[in-house]
Amino acid sequence: MNALDLRAVEHYVNENIDDFHRRRLATVENLALNQLLKKNPYLFRAKNLTVASDLIGSLLDAFLSSSEEKLFGDFLENLALFVAQQTAGGHKSTAPGVDLEFIHLNTHFVVSIKSGPNWGNSSQQSKLAQDLRDAVNRVRQSRLAANIQPVLGICYGKTRTTYTRAGYLKVVGQNFWYLISENKELYTEIIEPLGYRAREHNERFFAGRGALVNRLTVEFSQRFCDPSGAIDWVKLVEFNSKNFDLDSFL
């Protein structure tokens, strides 16, 4: 592998972390109340939330948690692709479910990248295994004599490297970053540039979040609070889940 230029990695992170924050801010700027109200109303009732702004804040935090995980997962996938491009001439794969391909030590690696270890249900994991098998078959048809290794690469976590029953290699955390760079310390060296202008970005984000909570609280109070100002949970659950039509099927 080519030696990795950490200054180029830092430059890439500094340039592209801005896009993550822009997309993160756009999430709160464009969010509608109806999107939030798709979350589980029974859970929030069980938490005894009685203040409209507290309910909106909790709904928003639950929404943003899953949204930010997806946005940052995209960023980490692209960072890993950039690193592999610099070290091994890696490229974005065109195969469904596969993110990265590169050749090292006479082995053609086909890699699906996940940001963290807690991803996917059993059907999604089965789909990934099939996608990797299909990618291996495609490479085998186009490259005679190459060793081909399917890999699930996970950007953080402490799980040991293992061959799964589905036949692919599962590589996690430090080992994953080493696989694409041959740098045992890369997993810690990328953490510092991730904080580039973080305070400035977060100040803008929380200002936008505060304005959104205020706006959605007013709308929520008008639609789902009774004349006394209390949350009308029945009306809220009806909005979220009322759809009775089963009688026509029985």
C-alpha atoms as a PDB file:
ATOM      1  CA  MET A   1       0.000   0.000   0.000  1.00  0.00           C
ATOM      2  CA  ASN A   2       1.015   3.588  -0.509  1.00  0.00           C
ATOM      3  CA  ALA A   3       1.826   5.532   2.646  1.00  0.00           C
ATOM      4  CA  LEU A   4      -1.133   7.575   3.833  1.00  0.00           C
ATOM      5  CA  ASP A   5      -0.655  11.345   3.900  1.00  0.00           C
ATOM      6  CA  LEU A   6      -2.396  12.350   7.130  1.00  0.00           C
ATOM      7  CA  ARG A   7      -2.414  16.003   6.050  1.00  0.00           C
ATOM      8  CA  ALA A   8      -4.520  15.023   3.045  1.00  0.00           C
ATOM      9  CA  VAL A   9      -6.893  13.134   5.367  1.00  0.00           C
ATOM     10  CA  GLU A  10      -7.167  16.162   7.661  1.00  0.00           C
ATOM     11  CA  HIS A  11      -7.847  18.402   4.664  1.00  0.00           C
ATOM     12  CA  TYR A  12     -10.526  16.016   3.389  1.00  0.00           C
ATOM     13  CA  VAL A  13     -12.217  15.879   6.802  1.00  0.00           C
ATOM     14  CA  ASN A  14     -12.116  19.657   7.241  1.00  0.00           C
ATOM     15  CA  GLU A  15     -13.625  20.203   3.807  1.00  0.00           C
ATOM     16  CA  ASN A  16     -16.346  17.560   4.093  1.00  0.00           C
ATOM     17  CA  ILE A  17     -17.387  17.806   7.738  1.00  0.00           C
ATOM     18  CA  ASP A  18     -18.999  21.124   6.783  1.00  0.00           C
ATOM     19  CA  ASP A  19     -21.358  19.227   4.474  1.00  0.00           C
ATOM     20  CA  PHE A  20     -22.397  16.932   7.342  1.00  0.00           C
ATOM     21  CA  HIS A  21     -23.230  19.952   9.492  1.00  0.00           C
ATOM     22  CA  ARG A  22     -25.091  21.681   6.653  1.00  0.00           C
ATOM     23  CA  ARG A  23     -27.251  18.598   6.110  1.00  0.00           C
ATOM     24  CA  ARG A  24     -27.754  18.260   9.870  1.00  0.00           C
ATOM     25  CA  LEU A  25     -28.962  21.864  10.100  1.00  0.00           C
ATOM     26  CA  ALA A  26     -31.206  21.435   7.049  1.00  0.00           C
ATOM     27  CA  THR A  27     -32.934  18.587   8.891  1.00  0.00           C
ATOM     28  CA  VAL A  28     -34.232  20.910  11.594  1.00  0.00           C
ATOM     29  CA  GLU A  29     -34.952  23.772   9.207  1.00  0.00           C
ATOM     30  CA  ASN A  30     -37.216  21.679   6.976  1.00  0.00           C
ATOM     31  CA  LEU A  31     -38.873  19.396   9.520  1.00  0.00           C
ATOM     32  CA  ALA A  32     -42.688  19.373   9.687  1.00  0.00           C
ATOM     33  CA  LEU A  33     -44.764  18.493  12.742  1.00  0.00           C
ATOM     34  CA  ASN A  34     -46.444  15.581  10.976  1.00  0.00           C
ATOM     35  CA  GLN A  35     -43.037  13.919  10.521  1.00  0.00           C
ATOM     36  CA  LEU A  36     -42.372  14.072  14.263  1.00  0.00           C
ATOM     37  CA  LEU A  37     -45.786  12.703  15.148  1.00  0.00           C
ATOM     38  CA  LYS A  38     -44.976   9.410  13.418  1.00  0.00           C
ATOM     39  CA  LYS A  39     -42.947   8.472  16.494  1.00  0.00           C
ATOM     40  CA  ASN A  40     -44.461   6.112  19.089  1.00  0.00           C
ATOM     41  CA  PRO A  41     -47.045   8.133  21.081  1.00  0.00           C
ATOM     42  CA  TYR A  42     -47.489   5.385  23.688  1.00  0.00           C
ATOM     43  CA  LEU A  43     -43.833   5.658  24.686  1.00  0.00           C
ATOM     44  CA  PHE A  44     -44.031   9.390  25.288  1.00  0.00           C
ATOM     45  CA  ARG A  45     -47.313   9.055  27.196  1.00  0.00           C
ATOM     46  CA  ALA A  46     -45.670   6.445  29.433  1.00  0.00           C
ATOM     47  CA  LYS A  47     -42.888   8.970  30.153  1.00  0.00           C
ATOM     48  CA  ASN A  48     -45.575  11.289  31.613  1.00  0.00           C
ATOM     49  CA  LEU A  49     -44.741  14.252  29.406  1.00  0.00           C
ATOM     50  CA  THR A  50     -47.353  16.911  30.123  1.00  0.00           C
ATOM     51  CA  VAL A  51     -45.736  20.066  28.699  1.00  0.00           C
ATOM     52  CA  ALA A  52     -46.096  20.508  24.950  1.00  0.00           C
ATOM     53  CA  SER A  53     -42.604  21.923  24.483  1.00  0.00           C
ATOM     54  CA  ASP A  54     -41.097  18.986  26.436  1.00  0.00           C
ATOM     55  CA  LEU A  55     -42.962  16.523  24.229  1.00  0.00           C
ATOM     56  CA  ILE A  56     -41.845  18.285  21.046  1.00  0.00           C
ATOM     57  CA  GLY A  57     -38.251  18.376  22.309  1.00  0.00           C
ATOM     58  CA  SER A  58     -38.304  14.650  23.105  1.00  0.00           C
ATOM     59  CA  LEU A  59     -39.875  13.773  19.754  1.00  0.00           C
ATOM     60  CA  LEU A  60     -37.310  15.930  17.976  1.00  0.00           C
ATOM     61  CA  ASP A  61     -34.367  14.353  19.812  1.00  0.00           C
ATOM     62  CA  ALA A  62     -35.615  10.862  18.902  1.00  0.00           C
ATOM     63  CA  PHE A  63     -35.994  11.908  15.265  1.00  0.00           C
ATOM     64  CA  LEU A  64     -32.587  13.593  15.096  1.00  0.00           C
ATOM     65  CA  SER A  65     -30.782  10.667  16.713  1.00  0.00           C
ATOM     66  CA  SER A  66     -31.632   8.328  13.839  1.00  0.00           C
ATOM     67  CA  SER A  67     -31.207  11.067  11.237  1.00  0.00           C
ATOM     68  CA  GLU A  68     -27.731  12.080  12.443  1.00  0.00           C
ATOM     69  CA  GLU A  69     -26.586   8.453  12.580  1.00  0.00           C
ATOM     70  CA  LYS A  70     -27.478   8.100   8.893  1.00  0.00           C
ATOM     71  CA  LEU A  71     -25.876  11.422   7.918  1.00  0.00           C
ATOM     72  CA  PHE A  72     -22.648  10.704   9.787  1.00  0.00           C
ATOM     73  CA  GLY A  73     -22.594   7.142   8.509  1.00  0.00           C
ATOM     74  CA  ASP A  74     -22.536   8.555   4.982  1.00  0.00           C
ATOM     75  CA  PHE A  75     -19.632  10.810   5.969  1.00  0.00           C
ATOM     76  CA  LEU A  76     -17.600   7.924   7.456  1.00  0.00           C
ATOM     77  CA  GLU A  77     -18.253   5.748   4.405  1.00  0.00           C
ATOM     78  CA  ASN A  78     -16.908   8.485   2.139  1.00  0.00           C
ATOM     79  CA  LEU A  79     -13.911   9.041   4.428  1.00  0.00           C
ATOM     80  CA  ALA A  80     -13.036   5.345   4.268  1.00  0.00           C
ATOM     81  CA  LEU A  81     -13.369   5.467   0.482  1.00  0.00           C
ATOM     82  CA  PHE A  82     -11.016   8.474   0.354  1.00  0.00           C
ATOM     83  CA  VAL A  83      -8.437   6.692   2.508  1.00  0.00           C
ATOM     84  CA  ALA A  84      -8.557   3.552   0.341  1.00  0.00           C
ATOM     85  CA  GLN A  85      -8.193   5.673  -2.789  1.00  0.00           C
ATOM     86  CA  GLN A  86      -5.000   7.202  -1.370  1.00  0.00           C
ATOM     87  CA  THR A  87      -3.444   3.945  -0.158  1.00  0.00           C
ATOM     88  CA  ALA A  88      -4.602   1.224  -2.547  1.00  0.00           C
ATOM     89  CA  GLY A  89      -6.246   2.897  -5.528  1.00  0.00           C
ATOM     90  CA  GLY A  90      -9.650   1.945  -4.137  1.00  0.00           C
ATOM     91  CA  HIS A  91     -12.828   3.025  -5.863  1.00  0.00           C
ATOM     92  CA  LYS A  92     -16.530   3.331  -5.206  1.00  0.00           C
ATOM     93  CA  SER A  93     -18.173   0.052  -6.122  1.00  0.00           C
ATOM     94  CA  THR A  94     -21.060  -0.080  -8.576  1.00  0.00           C
ATOM     95  CA  ALA A  95     -22.302  -3.374  -7.103  1.00  0.00           C
ATOM     96  CA  PRO A  96     -25.543  -3.119  -5.071  1.00  0.00           C
ATOM     97  CA  GLY A  97     -24.892  -3.151  -1.336  1.00  0.00           C
ATOM     98  CA  VAL A  98     -21.118  -2.782  -1.790  1.00  0.00           C
ATOM     99  CA  ASP A  99     -19.376   0.517  -1.098  1.00  0.00           C
ATOM    100  CA  LEU A 100     -15.673  -0.004  -1.805  1.00  0.00           C
ATOM    101  CA  GLU A 101     -13.369  -2.167  -3.903  1.00  0.00           C
ATOM    102  CA  PHE A 102      -9.577  -2.264  -3.814  1.00  0.00           C
ATOM    103  CA  ILE A 103      -6.736  -4.667  -4.527  1.00  0.00           C
ATOM    104  CA  HIS A 104      -3.972  -5.399  -2.033  1.00  0.00           C
ATOM    105  CA  LEU A 105      -1.530  -8.328  -1.748  1.00  0.00           C
ATOM    106  CA  ASN A 106      -3.060  -9.932  -4.845  1.00  0.00           C
ATOM    107  CA  THR A 107      -6.497  -9.911  -3.189  1.00  0.00           C
ATOM    108  CA  HIS A 108      -9.514  -8.083  -4.542  1.00  0.00           C
ATOM    109  CA  PHE A 109     -11.490  -6.759  -1.572  1.00  0.00           C
ATOM    110  CA  VAL A 110     -15.199  -6.006  -1.947  1.00  0.00           C
ATOM    111  CA  VAL A 111     -16.334  -4.055   1.105  1.00  0.00           C
ATOM    112  CA  SER A 112     -19.687  -3.023   2.515  1.00  0.00           C
ATOM    113  CA  ILE A 113     -19.214  -0.245   5.083  1.00  0.00           C
ATOM    114  CA  LYS A 114     -21.372   0.387   8.147  1.00  0.00           C
ATOM    115  CA  SER A 115     -20.715   3.195  10.594  1.00  0.00           C
ATOM    116  CA  GLY A 116     -21.448   1.183  13.750  1.00  0.00           C
ATOM    117  CA  PRO A 117     -21.979  -2.378  14.998  1.00  0.00           C
ATOM    118  CA  ASN A 118     -25.725  -2.133  15.686  1.00  0.00           C
ATOM    119  CA  TRP A 119     -27.119  -2.123  12.197  1.00  0.00           C
ATOM    120  CA  GLY A 120     -29.834  -4.028  10.373  1.00  0.00           C
ATOM    121  CA  ASN A 121     -32.312  -6.751  11.239  1.00  0.00           C
ATOM    122  CA  SER A 122     -31.883 -10.379  10.177  1.00  0.00           C
ATOM    123  CA  SER A 123     -33.401  -9.833   6.718  1.00  0.00           C
ATOM    124  CA  GLN A 124     -31.128  -6.826   6.072  1.00  0.00           C
ATOM    125  CA  GLN A 125     -28.106  -8.840   7.157  1.00  0.00           C
ATOM    126  CA  SER A 126     -29.150 -11.690   4.849  1.00  0.00           C
ATOM    127  CA  LYS A 127     -29.516  -9.175   2.018  1.00  0.00           C
ATOM    128  CA  LEU A 128     -25.995  -7.872   2.691  1.00  0.00           C
ATOM    129  CA  ALA A 129     -24.577 -11.406   2.582  1.00  0.00           C
ATOM    130  CA  GLN A 130     -26.278 -11.995  -0.772  1.00  0.00           C
ATOM    131  CA  ASP A 131     -25.043  -8.664  -2.137  1.00  0.00           C
ATOM    132  CA  LEU A 132     -21.476  -9.571  -1.195  1.00  0.00           C
ATOM    133  CA  ARG A 133     -21.804 -13.017  -2.809  1.00  0.00           C
ATOM    134  CA  ASP A 134     -23.141 -11.409  -5.983  1.00  0.00           C
ATOM    135  CA  ALA A 135     -20.251  -8.918  -5.996  1.00  0.00           C
ATOM    136  CA  VAL A 136     -17.727 -11.735  -5.605  1.00  0.00           C
ATOM    137  CA  ASN A 137     -19.275 -13.595  -8.558  1.00  0.00           C
ATOM    138  CA  ARG A 138     -19.165 -10.452 -10.685  1.00  0.00           C
ATOM    139  CA  VAL A 139     -15.477  -9.857  -9.892  1.00  0.00           C
ATOM    140  CA  ARG A 140     -14.671 -13.531 -10.487  1.00  0.00           C
ATOM    141  CA  GLN A 141     -16.155 -13.329 -13.981  1.00  0.00           C
ATOM    142  CA  SER A 142     -14.109 -10.247 -14.868  1.00  0.00           C
ATOM    143  CA  ARG A 143     -10.809 -11.094 -13.121  1.00  0.00           C
ATOM    144  CA  LEU A 144      -9.263 -14.528 -13.655  1.00  0.00           C
ATOM    145  CA  ALA A 145      -6.723 -15.609 -10.989  1.00  0.00           C
ATOM    146  CA  ALA A 146      -7.491 -12.979  -8.379  1.00  0.00           C
ATOM    147  CA  ASN A 147      -8.224 -13.879  -4.788  1.00  0.00           C
ATOM    148  CA  ILE A 148     -11.483 -12.214  -3.813  1.00  0.00           C
ATOM    149  CA  GLN A 149     -12.393 -11.323  -0.242  1.00  0.00           C
ATOM    150  CA  PRO A 150     -15.839  -9.997   0.732  1.00  0.00           C
ATOM    151  CA  VAL A 151     -15.738  -7.780   3.813  1.00  0.00           C
ATOM    152  CA  LEU A 152     -18.172  -6.103   6.162  1.00  0.00           C
ATOM    153  CA  GLY A 153     -16.235  -3.102   7.465  1.00  0.00           C
ATOM    154  CA  ILE A 154     -17.570  -1.347  10.578  1.00  0.00           C
ATOM    155  CA  CYS A 155     -16.069   2.012  11.497  1.00  0.00           C
ATOM    156  CA  TYR A 156     -16.226   1.723  15.288  1.00  0.00           C
ATOM    157  CA  GLY A 157     -16.544  -1.006  17.914  1.00  0.00           C
ATOM    158  CA  LYS A 158     -14.364  -3.636  19.618  1.00  0.00           C
ATOM    159  CA  THR A 159     -15.668  -6.859  18.018  1.00  0.00           C
ATOM    160  CA  ARG A 160     -12.830  -9.174  17.035  1.00  0.00           C
ATOM    161  CA  THR A 161     -12.204  -9.926  13.377  1.00  0.00           C
ATOM    162  CA  THR A 162     -14.063 -13.047  12.295  1.00  0.00           C
ATOM    163  CA  TYR A 163     -15.290 -14.988   9.298  1.00  0.00           C
ATOM    164  CA  THR A 164     -19.072 -15.119   9.460  1.00  0.00           C
ATOM    165  CA  ARG A 165     -21.208 -18.125   8.595  1.00  0.00           C
ATOM    166  CA  ALA A 166     -22.285 -16.215   5.484  1.00  0.00           C
ATOM    167  CA  GLY A 167     -18.681 -16.346   4.275  1.00  0.00           C
ATOM    168  CA  TYR A 168     -17.583 -12.732   4.532  1.00  0.00           C
ATOM    169  CA  LEU A 169     -14.907 -11.245   6.780  1.00  0.00           C
ATOM    170  CA  LYS A 170     -16.221  -8.929   9.509  1.00  0.00           C
ATOM    171  CA  VAL A 171     -13.671  -6.241  10.390  1.00  0.00           C
ATOM    172  CA  VAL A 172     -14.450  -3.676  13.087  1.00  0.00           C
ATOM    173  CA  GLY A 173     -13.000  -0.467  14.560  1.00  0.00           C
ATOM    174  CA  GLN A 174      -9.225  -0.152  14.578  1.00  0.00           C
ATOM    175  CA  ASN A 175      -8.881  -3.260  12.406  1.00  0.00           C
ATOM    176  CA  PHE A 176     -11.105  -1.792   9.691  1.00  0.00           C
ATOM    177  CA  TRP A 177      -9.116   1.438   9.437  1.00  0.00           C
ATOM    178  CA  TYR A 178      -5.910  -0.614   9.372  1.00  0.00           C
ATOM    179  CA  LEU A 179      -7.291  -2.816   6.572  1.00  0.00           C
ATOM    180  CA  ILE A 180      -7.667   0.171   4.259  1.00  0.00           C
ATOM    181  CA  SER A 181      -4.522   2.061   5.334  1.00  0.00           C
ATOM    182  CA  GLU A 182      -1.999  -0.238   7.063  1.00  0.00           C
ATOM    183  CA  ASN A 183      -1.863   2.441   9.779  1.00  0.00           C
ATOM    184  CA  LYS A 184      -2.651   1.020  13.235  1.00  0.00           C
ATOM    185  CA  GLU A 185      -3.232   4.498  14.676  1.00  0.00           C
ATOM    186  CA  LEU A 186      -5.506   5.907  11.978  1.00  0.00           C
ATOM    187  CA  TYR A 187      -8.649   5.164  13.995  1.00  0.00           C
ATOM    188  CA  THR A 188      -7.481   7.674  16.622  1.00  0.00           C
ATOM    189  CA  GLU A 189      -5.734  10.092  14.272  1.00  0.00           C
ATOM    190  CA  ILE A 190      -8.985  10.944  12.470  1.00  0.00           C
ATOM    191  CA  ILE A 191     -10.768  12.008  15.673  1.00  0.00           C
ATOM    192  CA  GLU A 192      -9.088  15.423  15.991  1.00  0.00           C
ATOM    193  CA  PRO A 193     -10.027  16.867  12.573  1.00  0.00           C
ATOM    194  CA  LEU A 194     -13.633  15.720  13.134  1.00  0.00           C
ATOM    195  CA  GLY A 195     -13.900  18.520  15.691  1.00  0.00           C
ATOM    196  CA  TYR A 196     -13.076  21.165  13.067  1.00  0.00           C
ATOM    197  CA  ARG A 197     -15.196  24.244  13.829  1.00  0.00           C
ATOM    198  CA  ALA A 198     -17.495  22.007  15.881  1.00  0.00           C
ATOM    199  CA  ARG A 199     -18.441  24.749  18.341  1.00  0.00           C
ATOM    200  CA  GLU A 200     -19.406  27.131  15.541  1.00  0.00           C
ATOM    201  CA  HIS A 201     -21.444  24.456  13.782  1.00  0.00           C
ATOM    202  CA  ASN A 202     -23.215  23.402  16.974  1.00  0.00           C
ATOM    203  CA  GLU A 203     -24.120  26.977  17.908  1.00  0.00           C
ATOM    204  CA  ARG A 204     -25.896  27.376  14.561  1.00  0.00           C
ATOM    205  CA  PHE A 205     -27.543  23.988  14.919  1.00  0.00           C
ATOM    206  CA  PHE A 206     -28.911  24.596  18.418  1.00  0.00           C
ATOM    207  CA  ALA A 207     -30.170  28.029  17.427  1.00  0.00           C
ATOM    208  CA  GLY A 208     -32.063  26.354  14.591  1.00  0.00           C
ATOM    209  CA  ARG A 209     -33.273  23.595  16.906  1.00  0.00           C
ATOM    210  CA  GLY A 210     -34.591  26.124  19.427  1.00  0.00           C
ATOM    211  CA  ALA A 211     -36.502  28.007  16.754  1.00  0.00           C
ATOM    212  CA  LEU A 212     -37.962  24.733  15.459  1.00  0.00           C
ATOM    213  CA  VAL A 213     -39.114  23.635  18.924  1.00  0.00           C
ATOM    214  CA  ASN A 214     -40.823  26.994  19.409  1.00  0.00           C
ATOM    215  CA  ARG A 215     -42.542  26.855  16.015  1.00  0.00           C
ATOM    216  CA  LEU A 216     -43.697  23.257  16.344  1.00  0.00           C
ATOM    217  CA  THR A 217     -44.857  23.770  19.929  1.00  0.00           C
ATOM    218  CA  VAL A 218     -47.206  26.537  18.794  1.00  0.00           C
ATOM    219  CA  GLU A 219     -48.587  24.337  15.994  1.00  0.00           C
ATOM    220  CA  PHE A 220     -48.876  21.315  18.281  1.00  0.00           C
ATOM    221  CA  SER A 221     -50.729  23.314  20.948  1.00  0.00           C
ATOM    222  CA  GLN A 222     -53.223  24.538  18.383  1.00  0.00           C
ATOM    223  CA  ARG A 223     -53.893  21.043  17.029  1.00  0.00           C
ATOM    224  CA  PHE A 224     -53.469  18.687  19.975  1.00  0.00           C
ATOM    225  CA  CYS A 225     -54.124  20.572  23.203  1.00  0.00           C
ATOM    226  CA  ASP A 226     -57.568  21.001  24.768  1.00  0.00           C
ATOM    227  CA  PRO A 227     -58.966  24.425  25.787  1.00  0.00           C
ATOM    228  CA  SER A 228     -57.278  24.128  29.195  1.00  0.00           C
ATOM    229  CA  GLY A 229     -53.867  23.681  27.516  1.00  0.00           C
ATOM    230  CA  ALA A 230     -53.462  19.986  28.413  1.00  0.00           C
ATOM    231  CA  ILE A 231     -52.247  17.552  25.771  1.00  0.00           C
ATOM    232  CA  ASP A 232     -55.149  15.647  24.238  1.00  0.00           C
ATOM    233  CA  TRP A 233     -53.510  12.214  24.036  1.00  0.00           C
ATOM    234  CA  VAL A 234     -56.537  10.534  22.500  1.00  0.00           C
ATOM    235  CA  LYS A 235     -56.550  13.019  19.635  1.00  0.00           C
ATOM    236  CA  LEU A 236     -52.795  12.567  19.208  1.00  0.00           C
ATOM    237  CA  VAL A 237     -53.017   8.765  19.094  1.00  0.00           C
ATOM    238  CA  GLU A 238     -55.912   8.985  16.641  1.00  0.00           C
ATOM    239  CA  PHE A 239     -53.791  11.148  14.356  1.00  0.00           C
ATOM    240  CA  ASN A 240     -50.878   8.721  14.650  1.00  0.00           C
ATOM    241  CA  SER A 241     -52.720   5.396  14.339  1.00  0.00           C
ATOM    242  CA  LYS A 242     -56.422   5.654  13.464  1.00  0.00           C
ATOM    243  CA  ASN A 243     -57.025   3.587  10.322  1.00  0.00           C
ATOM    244  CA  PHE A 244     -59.774   1.040  11.046  1.00  0.00           C
ATOM    245  CA  ASP A 245     -60.739  -0.979   7.981  1.00  0.00           C
ATOM    246  CA  LEU A 246     -60.260  -4.548   9.167  1.00  0.00           C
ATOM    247  CA  ASP A 247     -64.015  -5.245   9.251  1.00  0.00           C
ATOM    248  CA  SER A 248     -64.053  -5.442   5.461  1.00  0.00           C
ATOM    249  CA  PHE A 249     -61.458  -8.241   5.567  1.00  0.00           C
ATOM    250  CA  LEU A 250     -63.105 -10.443   8.226  1.00  0.00           C
END
